[in-house]
Amino acid sequence: LVLDDFGLEKPTQFTGATLCKILDARYNRPAVTTIITSNYSLKQLEQRLNCPTDLQPGDFCLNGSRIYDRCMEICKPILFKGESRRR
């Protein structure tokens, strides 16, 4: 499973519940691989999952410490540095 651009999803109750369900299902299955990509640093991602600074009216704060903790437990962070290739 590849979760691309992690942290960019709209913060809703559905998003939080779905992410928890997906990560929990994969948590106790060491034979499966989960790849998560994000343009956020680990610190920025933790902040974003807990309470995004760009919340709009009607948005939901994910209280994502559980989501972040699960990600850190099942994934090995690898930092890639360099110029954007999209320019």
PDB file of N, CA and C in Angstrom:
ATOM      1  N   LEU A   1       0.851  -1.171   0.000  1.00  0.00           N
ATOM      2  CA  LEU A   1       0.000   0.000   0.000  1.00  0.00           C
ATOM      3  C   LEU A   1       0.890   1.225   0.000  1.00  0.00           C
ATOM      4  N   VAL A   2       0.571   2.195  -0.865  1.00  0.00           N
ATOM      5  CA  VAL A   2       1.287   3.469  -0.902  1.00  0.00           C
ATOM      6  C   VAL A   2       0.293   4.581  -0.591  1.00  0.00           C
ATOM      7  N   LEU A   3       0.572   5.329   0.470  1.00  0.00           N
ATOM      8  CA  LEU A   3      -0.213   6.507   0.810  1.00  0.00           C
ATOM      9  C   LEU A   3       0.609   7.710   0.366  1.00  0.00           C
ATOM     10  N   ASP A   4       0.240   8.301  -0.754  1.00  0.00           N
ATOM     11  CA  ASP A   4       1.004   9.378  -1.369  1.00  0.00           C
ATOM     12  C   ASP A   4       0.515  10.735  -0.875  1.00  0.00           C
ATOM     13  N   ASP A   5       1.436  11.680  -0.716  1.00  0.00           N
ATOM     14  CA  ASP A   5       1.133  13.037  -0.255  1.00  0.00           C
ATOM     15  C   ASP A   5       0.389  13.039   1.072  1.00  0.00           C
ATOM     16  N   PHE A   6       0.846  12.199   1.974  1.00  0.00           N
ATOM     17  CA  PHE A   6       0.235  12.068   3.296  1.00  0.00           C
ATOM     18  C   PHE A   6       0.255  13.415   4.010  1.00  0.00           C
ATOM     19  N   GLY A   7      -0.838  13.772   4.601  1.00  0.00           N
ATOM     20  CA  GLY A   7      -0.962  15.036   5.316  1.00  0.00           C
ATOM     21  C   GLY A   7      -1.705  16.092   4.533  1.00  0.00           C
ATOM     22  N   LEU A   8      -1.917  15.859   3.246  1.00  0.00           N
ATOM     23  CA  LEU A   8      -2.635  16.836   2.424  1.00  0.00           C
ATOM     24  C   LEU A   8      -4.144  16.600   2.411  1.00  0.00           C
ATOM     25  N   GLU A   9      -4.579  15.461   2.973  1.00  0.00           N
ATOM     26  CA  GLU A   9      -6.000  15.140   2.952  1.00  0.00           C
ATOM     27  C   GLU A   9      -6.799  16.154   3.770  1.00  0.00           C
ATOM     28  N   LYS A  10      -8.044  16.366   3.356  1.00  0.00           N
ATOM     29  CA  LYS A  10      -8.926  17.279   4.077  1.00  0.00           C
ATOM     30  C   LYS A  10      -9.249  16.663   5.437  1.00  0.00           C
ATOM     31  N   PRO A  11      -9.056  17.416   6.517  1.00  0.00           N
ATOM     32  CA  PRO A  11      -9.288  16.864   7.853  1.00  0.00           C
ATOM     33  C   PRO A  11     -10.781  16.745   8.181  1.00  0.00           C
ATOM     34  N   THR A  12     -11.307  15.542   8.041  1.00  0.00           N
ATOM     35  CA  THR A  12     -12.709  15.275   8.373  1.00  0.00           C
ATOM     36  C   THR A  12     -12.762  14.071   9.308  1.00  0.00           C
ATOM     37  N   GLN A  13     -13.893  13.855   9.940  1.00  0.00           N
ATOM     38  CA  GLN A  13     -14.050  12.672  10.785  1.00  0.00           C
ATOM     39  C   GLN A  13     -13.866  11.402   9.965  1.00  0.00           C
ATOM     40  N   PHE A  14     -14.379  11.404   8.734  1.00  0.00           N
ATOM     41  CA  PHE A  14     -14.245  10.243   7.851  1.00  0.00           C
ATOM     42  C   PHE A  14     -12.773   9.961   7.562  1.00  0.00           C
ATOM     43  N   THR A  15     -12.007  11.019   7.278  1.00  0.00           N
ATOM     44  CA  THR A  15     -10.586  10.856   6.989  1.00  0.00           C
ATOM     45  C   THR A  15      -9.862  10.248   8.184  1.00  0.00           C
ATOM     46  N   GLY A  16     -10.100  10.805   9.368  1.00  0.00           N
ATOM     47  CA  GLY A  16      -9.448  10.298  10.571  1.00  0.00           C
ATOM     48  C   GLY A  16      -9.793   8.847  10.837  1.00  0.00           C
ATOM     49  N   ALA A  17     -11.083   8.511  10.744  1.00  0.00           N
ATOM     50  CA  ALA A  17     -11.521   7.136  10.991  1.00  0.00           C
ATOM     51  C   ALA A  17     -10.948   6.178   9.956  1.00  0.00           C
ATOM     52  N   THR A  18     -10.907   6.600   8.701  1.00  0.00           N
ATOM     53  CA  THR A  18     -10.393   5.753   7.625  1.00  0.00           C
ATOM     54  C   THR A  18      -8.901   5.507   7.783  1.00  0.00           C
ATOM     55  N   LEU A  19      -8.132   6.569   8.071  1.00  0.00           N
ATOM     56  CA  LEU A  19      -6.693   6.401   8.268  1.00  0.00           C
ATOM     57  C   LEU A  19      -6.406   5.464   9.444  1.00  0.00           C
ATOM     58  N   CYS A  20      -7.141   5.632  10.541  1.00  0.00           N
ATOM     59  CA  CYS A  20      -6.964   4.746  11.695  1.00  0.00           C
ATOM     60  C   CYS A  20      -7.268   3.303  11.327  1.00  0.00           C
ATOM     61  N   LYS A  21      -8.339   3.100  10.598  1.00  0.00           N
ATOM     62  CA  LYS A  21      -8.740   1.746  10.216  1.00  0.00           C
ATOM     63  C   LYS A  21      -7.684   1.087   9.316  1.00  0.00           C
ATOM     64  N   ILE A  22      -7.177   1.838   8.351  1.00  0.00           N
ATOM     65  CA  ILE A  22      -6.169   1.309   7.426  1.00  0.00           C
ATOM     66  C   ILE A  22      -4.888   0.965   8.178  1.00  0.00           C
ATOM     67  N   LEU A  23      -4.402   1.895   8.987  1.00  0.00           N
ATOM     68  CA  LEU A  23      -3.141   1.679   9.694  1.00  0.00           C
ATOM     69  C   LEU A  23      -3.259   0.590  10.750  1.00  0.00           C
ATOM     70  N   ASP A  24      -4.384   0.531  11.436  1.00  0.00           N
ATOM     71  CA  ASP A  24      -4.592  -0.536  12.423  1.00  0.00           C
ATOM     72  C   ASP A  24      -4.619  -1.908  11.764  1.00  0.00           C
ATOM     73  N   ALA A  25      -5.242  -2.000  10.594  1.00  0.00           N
ATOM     74  CA  ALA A  25      -5.324  -3.276   9.882  1.00  0.00           C
ATOM     75  C   ALA A  25      -3.935  -3.754   9.448  1.00  0.00           C
ATOM     76  N   ARG A  26      -3.042  -2.827   9.163  1.00  0.00           N
ATOM     77  CA  ARG A  26      -1.710  -3.192   8.692  1.00  0.00           C
ATOM     78  C   ARG A  26      -0.712  -3.318   9.847  1.00  0.00           C
ATOM     79  N   TYR A  27      -1.064  -2.828  11.001  1.00  0.00           N
ATOM     80  CA  TYR A  27      -0.150  -2.746  12.142  1.00  0.00           C
ATOM     81  C   TYR A  27       0.370  -4.117  12.572  1.00  0.00           C
ATOM     82  N   ASN A  28      -0.471  -5.093  12.657  1.00  0.00           N
ATOM     83  CA  ASN A  28      -0.069  -6.424  13.125  1.00  0.00           C
ATOM     84  C   ASN A  28       0.185  -7.407  11.992  1.00  0.00           C
ATOM     85  N   ARG A  29       0.481  -6.900  10.820  1.00  0.00           N
ATOM     86  CA  ARG A  29       0.748  -7.768   9.669  1.00  0.00           C
ATOM     87  C   ARG A  29       2.128  -7.445   9.114  1.00  0.00           C
ATOM     88  N   PRO A  30       3.175  -8.010   9.694  1.00  0.00           N
ATOM     89  CA  PRO A  30       4.530  -7.676   9.256  1.00  0.00           C
ATOM     90  C   PRO A  30       4.845  -8.096   7.828  1.00  0.00           C
ATOM     91  N   ALA A  31       4.030  -8.954   7.256  1.00  0.00           N
ATOM     92  CA  ALA A  31       4.292  -9.416   5.890  1.00  0.00           C
ATOM     93  C   ALA A  31       3.826  -8.411   4.837  1.00  0.00           C
ATOM     94  N   VAL A  32       3.138  -7.358   5.247  1.00  0.00           N
ATOM     95  CA  VAL A  32       2.677  -6.363   4.280  1.00  0.00           C
ATOM     96  C   VAL A  32       3.558  -5.116   4.373  1.00  0.00           C
ATOM     97  N   THR A  33       3.663  -4.409   3.276  1.00  0.00           N
ATOM     98  CA  THR A  33       4.483  -3.208   3.222  1.00  0.00           C
ATOM     99  C   THR A  33       3.578  -1.986   3.096  1.00  0.00           C
ATOM    100  N   THR A  34       3.905  -0.965   3.855  1.00  0.00           N
ATOM    101  CA  THR A  34       3.186   0.301   3.778  1.00  0.00           C
ATOM    102  C   THR A  34       4.214   1.391   3.502  1.00  0.00           C
ATOM    103  N   ILE A  35       4.028   2.115   2.412  1.00  0.00           N
ATOM    104  CA  ILE A  35       4.902   3.222   2.048  1.00  0.00           C
ATOM    105  C   ILE A  35       4.089   4.494   2.150  1.00  0.00           C
ATOM    106  N   ILE A  36       4.626   5.455   2.881  1.00  0.00           N
ATOM    107  CA  ILE A  36       3.942   6.729   3.047  1.00  0.00           C
ATOM    108  C   ILE A  36       4.866   7.825   2.543  1.00  0.00           C
ATOM    109  N   THR A  37       4.384   8.634   1.608  1.00  0.00           N
ATOM    110  CA  THR A  37       5.176   9.758   1.124  1.00  0.00           C
ATOM    111  C   THR A  37       4.521  11.050   1.580  1.00  0.00           C
ATOM    112  N   SER A  38       5.350  12.054   1.820  1.00  0.00           N
ATOM    113  CA  SER A  38       4.834  13.357   2.224  1.00  0.00           C
ATOM    114  C   SER A  38       5.877  14.417   1.929  1.00  0.00           C
ATOM    115  N   ASN A  39       5.422  15.606   1.626  1.00  0.00           N
ATOM    116  CA  ASN A  39       6.330  16.733   1.459  1.00  0.00           C
ATOM    117  C   ASN A  39       6.573  17.430   2.793  1.00  0.00           C
ATOM    118  N   TYR A  40       5.903  16.980   3.840  1.00  0.00           N
ATOM    119  CA  TYR A  40       6.074  17.548   5.172  1.00  0.00           C
ATOM    120  C   TYR A  40       7.223  16.851   5.892  1.00  0.00           C
ATOM    121  N   SER A  41       7.921  17.589   6.760  1.00  0.00           N
ATOM    122  CA  SER A  41       8.903  16.962   7.645  1.00  0.00           C
ATOM    123  C   SER A  41       8.121  16.158   8.683  1.00  0.00           C
ATOM    124  N   LEU A  42       8.811  15.313   9.441  1.00  0.00           N
ATOM    125  CA  LEU A  42       8.124  14.527  10.461  1.00  0.00           C
ATOM    126  C   LEU A  42       7.452  15.445  11.492  1.00  0.00           C
ATOM    127  N   LYS A  43       8.132  16.507  11.872  1.00  0.00           N
ATOM    128  CA  LYS A  43       7.570  17.454  12.844  1.00  0.00           C
ATOM    129  C   LYS A  43       6.337  18.151  12.260  1.00  0.00           C
ATOM    130  N   GLN A  44       6.423  18.580  10.993  1.00  0.00           N
ATOM    131  CA  GLN A  44       5.286  19.231  10.333  1.00  0.00           C
ATOM    132  C   GLN A  44       4.120  18.256  10.183  1.00  0.00           C
ATOM    133  N   LEU A  45       4.424  17.013   9.868  1.00  0.00           N
ATOM    134  CA  LEU A  45       3.371  16.012   9.698  1.00  0.00           C
ATOM    135  C   LEU A  45       2.656  15.750  11.021  1.00  0.00           C
ATOM    136  N   GLU A  46       3.415  15.651  12.088  1.00  0.00           N
ATOM    137  CA  GLU A  46       2.804  15.451  13.403  1.00  0.00           C
ATOM    138  C   GLU A  46       1.887  16.625  13.746  1.00  0.00           C
ATOM    139  N   GLN A  47       2.360  17.844  13.498  1.00  0.00           N
ATOM    140  CA  GLN A  47       1.551  19.046  13.755  1.00  0.00           C
ATOM    141  C   GLN A  47       0.283  19.022  12.901  1.00  0.00           C
ATOM    142  N   ARG A  48       0.438  18.704  11.639  1.00  0.00           N
ATOM    143  CA  ARG A  48      -0.692  18.709  10.699  1.00  0.00           C
ATOM    144  C   ARG A  48      -1.743  17.670  11.095  1.00  0.00           C
ATOM    145  N   LEU A  49      -1.312  16.487  11.497  1.00  0.00           N
ATOM    146  CA  LEU A  49      -2.258  15.452  11.886  1.00  0.00           C
ATOM    147  C   LEU A  49      -2.975  15.800  13.186  1.00  0.00           C
ATOM    148  N   ASN A  50      -2.275  16.473  14.086  1.00  0.00           N
ATOM    149  CA  ASN A  50      -2.895  16.833  15.359  1.00  0.00           C
ATOM    150  C   ASN A  50      -3.886  17.975  15.208  1.00  0.00           C
ATOM    151  N   CYS A  51      -3.506  19.011  14.515  1.00  0.00           N
ATOM    152  CA  CYS A  51      -4.432  20.120  14.290  1.00  0.00           C
ATOM    153  C   CYS A  51      -3.844  21.045  13.233  1.00  0.00           C
ATOM    154  N   PRO A  52      -4.297  20.927  11.994  1.00  0.00           N
ATOM    155  CA  PRO A  52      -3.756  21.749  10.908  1.00  0.00           C
ATOM    156  C   PRO A  52      -3.935  23.238  11.193  1.00  0.00           C
ATOM    157  N   THR A  53      -2.963  24.022  10.756  1.00  0.00           N
ATOM    158  CA  THR A  53      -3.048  25.466  10.955  1.00  0.00           C
ATOM    159  C   THR A  53      -3.938  26.128   9.910  1.00  0.00           C
ATOM    160  N   ASP A  54      -4.294  25.404   8.862  1.00  0.00           N
ATOM    161  CA  ASP A  54      -5.127  25.992   7.805  1.00  0.00           C
ATOM    162  C   ASP A  54      -6.559  25.453   7.835  1.00  0.00           C
ATOM    163  N   LEU A  55      -7.064  25.160   9.048  1.00  0.00           N
ATOM    164  CA  LEU A  55      -8.443  24.672   9.166  1.00  0.00           C
ATOM    165  C   LEU A  55      -9.423  25.693   8.605  1.00  0.00           C
ATOM    166  N   GLN A  56     -10.393  25.214   7.894  1.00  0.00           N
ATOM    167  CA  GLN A  56     -11.460  26.043   7.349  1.00  0.00           C
ATOM    168  C   GLN A  56     -12.725  25.782   8.153  1.00  0.00           C
ATOM    169  N   PRO A  57     -13.691  26.702   8.122  1.00  0.00           N
ATOM    170  CA  PRO A  57     -14.955  26.430   8.822  1.00  0.00           C
ATOM    171  C   PRO A  57     -15.545  25.097   8.364  1.00  0.00           C
ATOM    172  N   GLY A  58     -15.922  24.260   9.306  1.00  0.00           N
ATOM    173  CA  GLY A  58     -16.477  22.949   8.986  1.00  0.00           C
ATOM    174  C   GLY A  58     -15.442  21.839   8.963  1.00  0.00           C
ATOM    175  N   ASP A  59     -14.138  22.199   8.949  1.00  0.00           N
ATOM    176  CA  ASP A  59     -13.095  21.182   8.998  1.00  0.00           C
ATOM    177  C   ASP A  59     -13.021  20.592  10.402  1.00  0.00           C
ATOM    178  N   PHE A  60     -12.393  19.454  10.493  1.00  0.00           N
ATOM    179  CA  PHE A  60     -12.338  18.678  11.724  1.00  0.00           C
ATOM    180  C   PHE A  60     -10.879  18.502  12.133  1.00  0.00           C
ATOM    181  N   CYS A  61     -10.567  18.663  13.397  1.00  0.00           N
ATOM    182  CA  CYS A  61      -9.218  18.404  13.890  1.00  0.00           C
ATOM    183  C   CYS A  61      -9.091  16.895  14.118  1.00  0.00           C
ATOM    184  N   LEU A  62      -8.169  16.242  13.438  1.00  0.00           N
ATOM    185  CA  LEU A  62      -8.062  14.784  13.465  1.00  0.00           C
ATOM    186  C   LEU A  62      -7.633  14.216  14.810  1.00  0.00           C
ATOM    187  N   ASN A  63      -7.013  15.035  15.673  1.00  0.00           N
ATOM    188  CA  ASN A  63      -6.422  14.499  16.899  1.00  0.00           C
ATOM    189  C   ASN A  63      -5.584  13.282  16.528  1.00  0.00           C
ATOM    190  N   GLY A  64      -4.690  13.512  15.599  1.00  0.00           N
ATOM    191  CA  GLY A  64      -3.996  12.421  14.936  1.00  0.00           C
ATOM    192  C   GLY A  64      -2.768  11.879  15.615  1.00  0.00           C
ATOM    193  N   SER A  65      -2.616  12.061  16.924  1.00  0.00           N
ATOM    194  CA  SER A  65      -1.434  11.506  17.577  1.00  0.00           C
ATOM    195  C   SER A  65      -1.412   9.982  17.421  1.00  0.00           C
ATOM    196  N   ARG A  66      -2.566   9.346  17.446  1.00  0.00           N
ATOM    197  CA  ARG A  66      -2.629   7.889  17.251  1.00  0.00           C
ATOM    198  C   ARG A  66      -2.206   7.519  15.828  1.00  0.00           C
ATOM    199  N   ILE A  67      -2.670   8.280  14.850  1.00  0.00           N
ATOM    200  CA  ILE A  67      -2.310   8.035  13.457  1.00  0.00           C
ATOM    201  C   ILE A  67      -0.799   8.214  13.289  1.00  0.00           C
ATOM    202  N   TYR A  68      -0.265   9.306  13.815  1.00  0.00           N
ATOM    203  CA  TYR A  68       1.175   9.574  13.706  1.00  0.00           C
ATOM    204  C   TYR A  68       1.982   8.472  14.389  1.00  0.00           C
ATOM    205  N   ASP A  69       1.578   8.083  15.594  1.00  0.00           N
ATOM    206  CA  ASP A  69       2.295   7.026  16.322  1.00  0.00           C
ATOM    207  C   ASP A  69       2.299   5.717  15.546  1.00  0.00           C
ATOM    208  N   ARG A  70       1.169   5.354  14.962  1.00  0.00           N
ATOM    209  CA  ARG A  70       1.092   4.122  14.164  1.00  0.00           C
ATOM    210  C   ARG A  70       2.041   4.206  12.974  1.00  0.00           C
ATOM    211  N   CYS A  71       2.060   5.348  12.319  1.00  0.00           N
ATOM    212  CA  CYS A  71       2.959   5.529  11.169  1.00  0.00           C
ATOM    213  C   CYS A  71       4.415   5.340  11.584  1.00  0.00           C
ATOM    214  N   MET A  72       4.789   5.924  12.704  1.00  0.00           N
ATOM    215  CA  MET A  72       6.169   5.826  13.178  1.00  0.00           C
ATOM    216  C   MET A  72       6.526   4.401  13.609  1.00  0.00           C
ATOM    217  N   GLU A  73       5.541   3.640  14.055  1.00  0.00           N
ATOM    218  CA  GLU A  73       5.802   2.268  14.483  1.00  0.00           C
ATOM    219  C   GLU A  73       5.930   1.301  13.304  1.00  0.00           C
ATOM    220  N   ILE A  74       5.174   1.511  12.237  1.00  0.00           N
ATOM    221  CA  ILE A  74       5.193   0.560  11.122  1.00  0.00           C
ATOM    222  C   ILE A  74       6.056   1.014   9.955  1.00  0.00           C
ATOM    223  N   CYS A  75       6.564   2.232  10.010  1.00  0.00           N
ATOM    224  CA  CYS A  75       7.366   2.754   8.898  1.00  0.00           C
ATOM    225  C   CYS A  75       8.742   3.178   9.376  1.00  0.00           C
ATOM    226  N   LYS A  76       9.695   3.110   8.482  1.00  0.00           N
ATOM    227  CA  LYS A  76      11.041   3.598   8.749  1.00  0.00           C
ATOM    228  C   LYS A  76      11.212   4.893   7.962  1.00  0.00           C
ATOM    229  N   PRO A  77      11.366   6.034   8.653  1.00  0.00           N
ATOM    230  CA  PRO A  77      11.509   7.307   7.933  1.00  0.00           C
ATOM    231  C   PRO A  77      12.784   7.349   7.092  1.00  0.00           C
ATOM    232  N   ILE A  78      12.638   7.799   5.868  1.00  0.00           N
ATOM    233  CA  ILE A  78      13.768   8.004   4.965  1.00  0.00           C
ATOM    234  C   ILE A  78      13.611   9.407   4.396  1.00  0.00           C
ATOM    235  N   LEU A  79      14.610  10.256   4.615  1.00  0.00           N
ATOM    236  CA  LEU A  79      14.555  11.644   4.167  1.00  0.00           C
ATOM    237  C   LEU A  79      15.271  11.774   2.829  1.00  0.00           C
ATOM    238  N   PHE A  80      14.563  12.344   1.862  1.00  0.00           N
ATOM    239  CA  PHE A  80      15.148  12.647   0.567  1.00  0.00           C
ATOM    240  C   PHE A  80      15.289  14.158   0.464  1.00  0.00           C
ATOM    241  N   LYS A  81      16.446  14.617   0.081  1.00  0.00           N
ATOM    242  CA  LYS A  81      16.681  16.048  -0.088  1.00  0.00           C
ATOM    243  C   LYS A  81      17.014  16.313  -1.539  1.00  0.00           C
ATOM    244  N   GLY A  82      16.719  17.519  -1.967  1.00  0.00           N
ATOM    245  CA  GLY A  82      17.077  17.896  -3.327  1.00  0.00           C
ATOM    246  C   GLY A  82      16.096  18.909  -3.880  1.00  0.00           C
ATOM    247  N   GLU A  83      16.390  19.373  -5.042  1.00  0.00           N
ATOM    248  CA  GLU A  83      15.543  20.342  -5.727  1.00  0.00           C
ATOM    249  C   GLU A  83      14.278  19.650  -6.259  1.00  0.00           C
ATOM    250  N   SER A  84      13.217  20.410  -6.348  1.00  0.00           N
ATOM    251  CA  SER A  84      11.983  19.886  -6.918  1.00  0.00           C
ATOM    252  C   SER A  84      12.178  19.619  -8.400  1.00  0.00           C
ATOM    253  N   ARG A  85      11.687  18.486  -8.864  1.00  0.00           N
ATOM    254  CA  ARG A  85      11.783  18.153 -10.292  1.00  0.00           C
ATOM    255  C   ARG A  85      10.569  18.656 -11.055  1.00  0.00           C
ATOM    256  N   ARG A  86       9.626  19.275 -10.351  1.00  0.00           N
ATOM    257  CA  ARG A  86       8.406  19.766 -10.977  1.00  0.00           C
ATOM    258  C   ARG A  86       8.577  21.129 -11.612  1.00  0.00           C
ATOM    259  N   ARG A  87       9.681  21.764 -11.381  1.00  0.00           N
ATOM    260  CA  ARG A  87       9.882  23.129 -11.900  1.00  0.00           C
ATOM    261  C   ARG A  87      10.329  23.122 -13.326  1.00  0.00           C
TER     262      ARG A  87
END
